[in-house]
Protein backbone atom coordinates (compact mmCIF):
# COMPACT_ATOMS: atom_id res chain seq x y z
CA MET A 1 13.63 -45.13 2.38
CA ASN A 2 14.17 -42.84 -0.63
CA LYS A 3 13.04 -45.46 -3.16
CA GLN A 4 9.40 -44.70 -2.54
CA ALA A 5 6.50 -43.80 -4.80
CA GLY A 6 3.35 -42.04 -3.64
CA LEU A 7 -0.06 -40.97 -4.86
CA GLY A 8 -2.20 -37.91 -4.23
CA LEU A 9 -5.23 -39.10 -2.27
CA ARG A 10 -8.68 -38.10 -3.54
CA ARG A 11 -11.88 -38.45 -1.56
CA GLU A 12 -13.33 -40.89 -4.10
CA MET A 13 -10.44 -43.28 -3.36
CA LEU A 14 -11.27 -43.68 0.32
CA ASP A 15 -13.54 -46.72 0.11
CA GLU A 16 -11.08 -48.68 -2.01
CA PHE A 17 -7.95 -47.81 -0.04
CA CYS A 18 -9.56 -48.32 3.37
CA HIS A 19 -10.23 -51.87 2.18
CA SER A 20 -6.72 -52.38 0.77
CA VAL A 21 -3.77 -50.18 -0.25
CA PRO A 22 -1.63 -51.62 -3.07
CA GLU A 23 1.91 -52.44 -1.97
CA ALA A 24 3.33 -50.21 -4.69
CA ILE A 25 1.96 -47.09 -2.96
CA ASP A 26 4.43 -46.14 -0.22
CA PHE A 27 2.83 -42.87 0.86
CA PHE A 28 -0.05 -40.50 0.19
CA GLU A 29 -0.18 -36.74 -0.22
CA VAL A 30 -3.15 -34.52 0.64
CA ALA A 31 -4.00 -30.83 0.54
CA PRO A 32 -4.78 -29.92 4.17
CA GLU A 33 -7.48 -27.49 3.02
CA ASN A 34 -9.49 -30.38 1.57
CA TRP A 35 -9.26 -32.66 4.59
CA MET A 36 -8.85 -30.81 7.88
CA THR A 37 -12.54 -30.01 8.33
CA LEU A 38 -13.86 -33.43 7.34
CA GLY A 39 -15.97 -35.30 9.85
CA GLY A 40 -18.36 -38.21 9.73
CA ARG A 41 -17.59 -41.18 7.52
CA PHE A 42 -14.94 -39.39 5.46
CA GLY A 43 -13.15 -38.19 8.58
CA TYR A 44 -13.19 -41.69 10.06
CA GLN A 45 -11.84 -43.23 6.85
CA PHE A 46 -9.12 -40.60 6.57
CA ARG A 47 -7.92 -41.29 10.10
CA GLN A 48 -7.94 -45.00 9.36
CA LEU A 49 -5.49 -44.37 6.55
CA THR A 50 -3.27 -41.87 8.36
CA GLU A 51 -2.88 -44.27 11.27
CA ALA A 52 -1.57 -47.00 8.96
CA HIS A 53 0.32 -45.13 6.20
CA ARG A 54 2.81 -42.33 5.66
CA PHE A 55 1.27 -39.00 4.62
CA PHE A 56 2.64 -35.72 3.27
CA ALA A 57 0.71 -32.43 3.33
CA HIS A 58 0.86 -30.27 0.20
CA GLY A 59 -0.96 -26.97 0.60
CA LEU A 60 -2.91 -24.89 -1.89
CA SER A 61 -3.72 -21.59 -0.20
CA LEU A 62 -0.85 -20.45 2.05
CA SER A 63 -0.02 -17.72 -0.50
CA ILE A 64 3.59 -17.49 0.64
CA GLY A 65 4.29 -14.66 -1.80
CA GLY A 66 0.99 -12.83 -1.42
CA PRO A 67 0.82 -9.08 -0.75
CA GLY A 68 -1.44 -9.43 2.29
CA PRO A 69 -0.51 -10.61 5.78
CA LEU A 70 -0.18 -14.33 6.32
CA ASP A 71 -3.36 -15.99 7.55
CA ILE A 72 -2.01 -16.98 10.95
CA ASP A 73 -5.20 -18.78 12.01
CA PHE A 74 -5.01 -20.91 8.87
CA VAL A 75 -1.36 -21.79 9.50
CA LYS A 76 -2.23 -22.80 13.07
CA SER A 77 -5.05 -24.99 11.71
CA VAL A 78 -2.58 -26.71 9.39
CA LYS A 79 -0.28 -27.40 12.34
CA THR A 80 -3.16 -28.88 14.34
CA PHE A 81 -4.16 -31.06 11.38
CA MET A 82 -0.61 -32.34 10.96
CA ASP A 83 -0.18 -32.97 14.67
CA GLU A 84 -3.44 -34.93 14.83
CA HIS A 85 -2.48 -37.18 11.92
CA GLY A 86 1.26 -37.56 12.54
CA ILE A 87 2.26 -35.73 9.33
CA GLU A 88 5.76 -34.26 9.30
CA CYS A 89 6.16 -32.95 5.72
CA TYR A 90 4.38 -29.71 4.73
CA SER A 91 5.02 -28.27 1.29
CA GLU A 92 3.59 -25.30 -0.55
CA HIS A 93 3.91 -23.56 -3.89
CA LEU A 94 6.46 -20.80 -4.45
CA SER A 95 3.67 -18.51 -5.64
CA TYR A 96 0.68 -16.64 -4.29
CA CYS A 97 -3.07 -17.07 -4.55
CA SER A 98 -4.58 -14.14 -2.68
CA GLY A 99 -4.64 -10.36 -2.86
CA GLY A 100 -7.72 -8.69 -1.45
CA GLY A 101 -9.44 -12.06 -1.78
CA HIS A 102 -8.71 -15.56 -3.01
CA LEU A 103 -7.64 -15.71 -6.65
CA TYR A 104 -8.29 -19.46 -7.14
CA ASP A 105 -5.08 -19.86 -9.09
CA LEU A 106 -1.34 -19.90 -8.46
CA MET A 107 0.10 -16.54 -9.49
CA PRO A 108 3.81 -15.90 -10.23
CA ILE A 109 5.79 -13.95 -7.67
CA PRO A 110 7.88 -11.22 -9.35
CA PHE A 111 11.43 -12.50 -9.75
CA THR A 112 13.14 -9.75 -7.74
CA GLN A 113 15.57 -9.50 -4.83
CA GLU A 114 12.91 -7.68 -2.83
CA ALA A 115 10.55 -10.64 -3.33
CA VAL A 116 13.31 -13.07 -2.31
CA ARG A 117 13.68 -11.32 1.05
CA TYR A 118 9.92 -10.97 1.47
CA VAL A 119 9.19 -14.65 0.83
CA ALA A 120 12.07 -15.81 3.02
CA GLY A 121 10.74 -13.80 5.96
CA ARG A 122 7.29 -15.33 5.56
CA VAL A 123 8.78 -18.84 5.32
CA ARG A 124 10.46 -18.33 8.68
CA GLN A 125 7.19 -17.01 10.12
CA VAL A 126 5.33 -20.15 8.99
CA GLU A 127 8.05 -22.47 10.28
CA ASP A 128 7.90 -20.84 13.72
CA ILE A 129 4.20 -21.72 13.88
CA ILE A 130 4.13 -25.20 12.39
CA GLU A 131 7.37 -26.25 14.18
CA ARG A 132 8.47 -28.08 11.03
CA PRO A 133 10.34 -27.15 7.86
CA LEU A 134 8.28 -25.49 5.13
CA ILE A 135 9.12 -27.14 1.81
CA LEU A 136 8.70 -24.95 -1.30
CA GLU A 137 7.79 -26.24 -4.76
CA ASN A 138 9.03 -24.77 -8.03
CA VAL A 139 5.85 -23.88 -9.90
CA SER A 140 4.63 -23.61 -13.47
CA PHE A 141 3.99 -20.04 -14.62
CA TYR A 142 2.79 -18.37 -17.81
CA ALA A 143 4.02 -14.80 -17.38
CA ALA A 144 6.84 -13.16 -15.43
CA PRO A 145 5.71 -9.65 -14.46
CA GLY A 146 8.41 -7.34 -13.13
CA ALA A 147 11.15 -9.96 -13.46
CA GLU A 148 14.67 -8.78 -12.62
CA MET A 149 16.19 -12.27 -12.61
CA THR A 150 15.47 -15.63 -14.19
CA GLU A 151 13.19 -18.26 -12.68
CA LEU A 152 16.26 -20.37 -11.91
CA GLU A 153 18.01 -17.52 -10.13
CA PHE A 154 14.85 -16.67 -8.18
CA VAL A 155 14.13 -20.22 -7.00
CA ASN A 156 17.70 -20.77 -5.85
CA ALA A 157 17.84 -17.35 -4.17
CA VAL A 158 14.64 -17.99 -2.18
CA LEU A 159 15.81 -21.43 -1.05
CA ALA A 160 19.16 -20.00 0.07
CA GLU A 161 17.73 -16.88 1.78
CA ALA A 162 15.03 -18.86 3.60
CA ASP A 163 17.37 -21.83 4.19
CA CYS A 164 14.47 -24.13 3.35
CA ARG A 165 13.83 -27.39 1.54
CA LEU A 166 12.69 -27.99 -2.03
CA LEU A 167 9.81 -30.01 -3.47
CA LEU A 168 11.19 -30.55 -6.96
CA ASP A 169 8.40 -30.72 -9.54
CA VAL A 170 9.86 -32.33 -12.65
CA ASN A 171 6.78 -31.74 -14.79
CA ASN A 172 6.82 -28.03 -13.94
CA ILE A 173 10.41 -27.80 -15.17
CA TYR A 174 9.39 -29.40 -18.45
CA VAL A 175 6.28 -27.22 -18.84
CA ASN A 176 8.20 -24.02 -18.16
CA SER A 177 11.04 -25.06 -20.46
CA ILE A 178 8.61 -25.27 -23.38
CA ASN A 179 6.60 -22.17 -22.51
CA HIS A 180 9.63 -19.99 -21.77
CA GLN A 181 12.10 -21.67 -24.11
CA TYR A 182 14.88 -22.75 -21.80
CA ASP A 183 16.90 -25.95 -21.37
CA ALA A 184 15.06 -28.24 -18.94
CA SER A 185 18.15 -30.35 -18.32
CA ALA A 186 20.27 -27.31 -17.42
CA PHE A 187 17.57 -26.06 -15.05
CA LEU A 188 17.31 -29.49 -13.41
CA ARG A 189 21.07 -29.73 -12.99
CA ALA A 190 21.18 -26.31 -11.29
CA MET A 191 18.75 -27.32 -8.55
CA PRO A 192 20.41 -27.70 -5.11
CA THR A 193 20.68 -31.44 -4.43
CA GLU A 194 21.09 -30.98 -0.69
CA ARG A 195 17.75 -29.16 -0.38
CA ILE A 196 15.52 -31.68 -2.19
CA SER A 197 12.96 -33.34 0.10
CA TYR A 198 10.84 -35.13 -2.48
CA ILE A 199 9.69 -34.98 -6.08
CA HIS A 200 6.44 -34.42 -8.01
CA ILE A 201 5.63 -35.83 -11.41
CA ALA A 202 2.44 -35.29 -13.39
CA GLY A 203 0.78 -34.98 -16.77
CA HIS A 204 -0.15 -31.82 -18.65
CA TYR A 205 -2.17 -30.52 -21.59
CA VAL A 206 -0.58 -29.39 -24.85
CA GLU A 207 -2.45 -26.27 -25.97
CA ALA A 208 -0.02 -25.48 -28.79
CA PRO A 209 3.54 -26.45 -29.74
CA ASP A 210 4.84 -23.56 -27.64
CA LEU A 211 2.19 -23.59 -24.88
CA ILE A 212 1.71 -26.37 -22.30
CA VAL A 213 -0.77 -26.13 -19.44
CA ASP A 214 0.06 -27.85 -16.15
CA THR A 215 -3.23 -29.69 -15.50
CA HIS A 216 -2.39 -32.90 -13.59
CA GLY A 217 -5.16 -34.38 -15.70
CA ALA A 218 -3.32 -36.69 -18.11
CA ASP A 219 -0.71 -39.43 -18.26
CA VAL A 220 2.94 -38.53 -17.77
CA VAL A 221 4.64 -38.14 -21.17
CA ASP A 222 7.95 -39.71 -22.22
CA PRO A 223 10.07 -36.52 -22.07
CA VAL A 224 8.97 -36.00 -18.45
CA TRP A 225 9.79 -39.62 -17.58
CA GLN A 226 13.23 -39.08 -19.11
CA LEU A 227 13.66 -35.90 -17.06
CA LEU A 228 12.79 -37.87 -13.92
CA ALA A 229 15.39 -40.49 -14.80
CA ASP A 230 17.92 -37.70 -15.31
CA CYS A 231 16.89 -36.21 -11.97
CA TYR A 232 17.70 -39.46 -10.17
CA ALA A 233 21.07 -39.64 -11.93
CA ILE A 234 21.97 -36.05 -11.05
CA HIS A 235 20.45 -35.63 -7.59
CA GLY A 236 19.96 -39.19 -6.36
CA VAL A 237 16.71 -41.05 -5.73
CA HIS A 238 14.08 -39.28 -3.64
CA PRO A 239 10.48 -40.17 -2.73
CA THR A 240 8.40 -39.33 -5.79
CA LEU A 241 4.69 -38.56 -5.94
CA LEU A 242 2.35 -39.02 -8.89
CA GLU A 243 -0.15 -36.14 -9.09
CA ARG A 244 -3.50 -36.77 -10.78
CA ASP A 245 -6.18 -34.22 -9.92
CA PHE A 246 -8.89 -34.85 -12.53
CA ASN A 247 -9.69 -37.25 -15.39
CA ILE A 248 -8.72 -39.79 -12.74
CA PRO A 249 -8.52 -43.31 -14.20
CA SER A 250 -8.84 -46.61 -12.37
CA THR A 251 -6.33 -47.52 -9.70
CA GLN A 252 -4.82 -50.11 -12.03
CA VAL A 253 -4.02 -47.42 -14.58
CA LEU A 254 -2.50 -45.19 -11.89
CA LEU A 255 -0.47 -48.13 -10.60
CA ALA A 256 1.15 -48.52 -14.02
CA GLU A 257 2.65 -45.05 -13.58
CA ILE A 258 3.52 -45.75 -9.94
CA GLU A 259 5.37 -48.86 -11.12
CA GLN A 260 7.23 -46.78 -13.70
CA ILE A 261 8.48 -44.56 -10.87
CA HIS A 262 9.66 -47.66 -9.01
CA ARG A 263 11.44 -48.97 -12.13
CA LEU A 264 13.30 -45.72 -12.66
CA GLN A 265 14.26 -45.67 -8.98
CA ARG A 266 15.54 -49.26 -9.08
CA HIS A 267 17.62 -48.68 -12.19
CA ALA A 268 18.90 -45.21 -11.31
CA GLN A 269 22.65 -44.79 -11.51
CA PRO A 270 24.69 -41.75 -10.53
CA GLU A 271 26.02 -39.83 -13.51
CA SER A 272 29.60 -40.93 -12.85
CA ARG A 273 28.59 -44.59 -13.18
CA ARG A 274 26.37 -43.94 -16.23
CA ALA A 275 29.28 -42.22 -17.94
């Protein structure tokens, strides 16, 4: 079950995948915000796929660390969407995207103990409504305002305080390691194995030697593939999703990266055996 590779579903893929889904794609991921109000032909096609294939929901606008109250009506809408389509996994970014209005970007939560407690309380509030675990993703960030601890300490503290699961984004670890000059392998190793639900991998844009932008708009690069292989060796094989949000190539090109995920999963060996 864990040796699975998935793809983020885009609306422009519906016609092709309603006709035939390649065997290499084991599951799809969607942002509920982009799909839960669809009707007509798109809504019909989406249901056709959710009835036949495994789906994960990966949100964009929960704003789990935001300063304003949680949007309870939105959370209830997400639960309804997941119930209607038989979706059990709901993940979100360990960040915020609202504050007196929608910010249209993922902003870094201050790395403080106060924020740890605040986020954990909101996680429990969401879980009470959706009646499922809320899975949090480690995010890319470009500044750390008000930080009193490291990113690593903050992520682990939130997961422990909220007692929640982790969506481990390997590309985000790599991006942050370049931008903030830390050891990606050490960060990866310090992630809690027992909390990992699934994994993200994606491409990025190199702005400068010391600045990488997490775009999901390019091919996955070799150092990120190597980090994924290391992840499997350290934490075991988990379902892994390829994110591609723009500059989307043909399905055949995407399948080459999906197949690379499968290859790494097939050949993964625990560290003790590799040694």
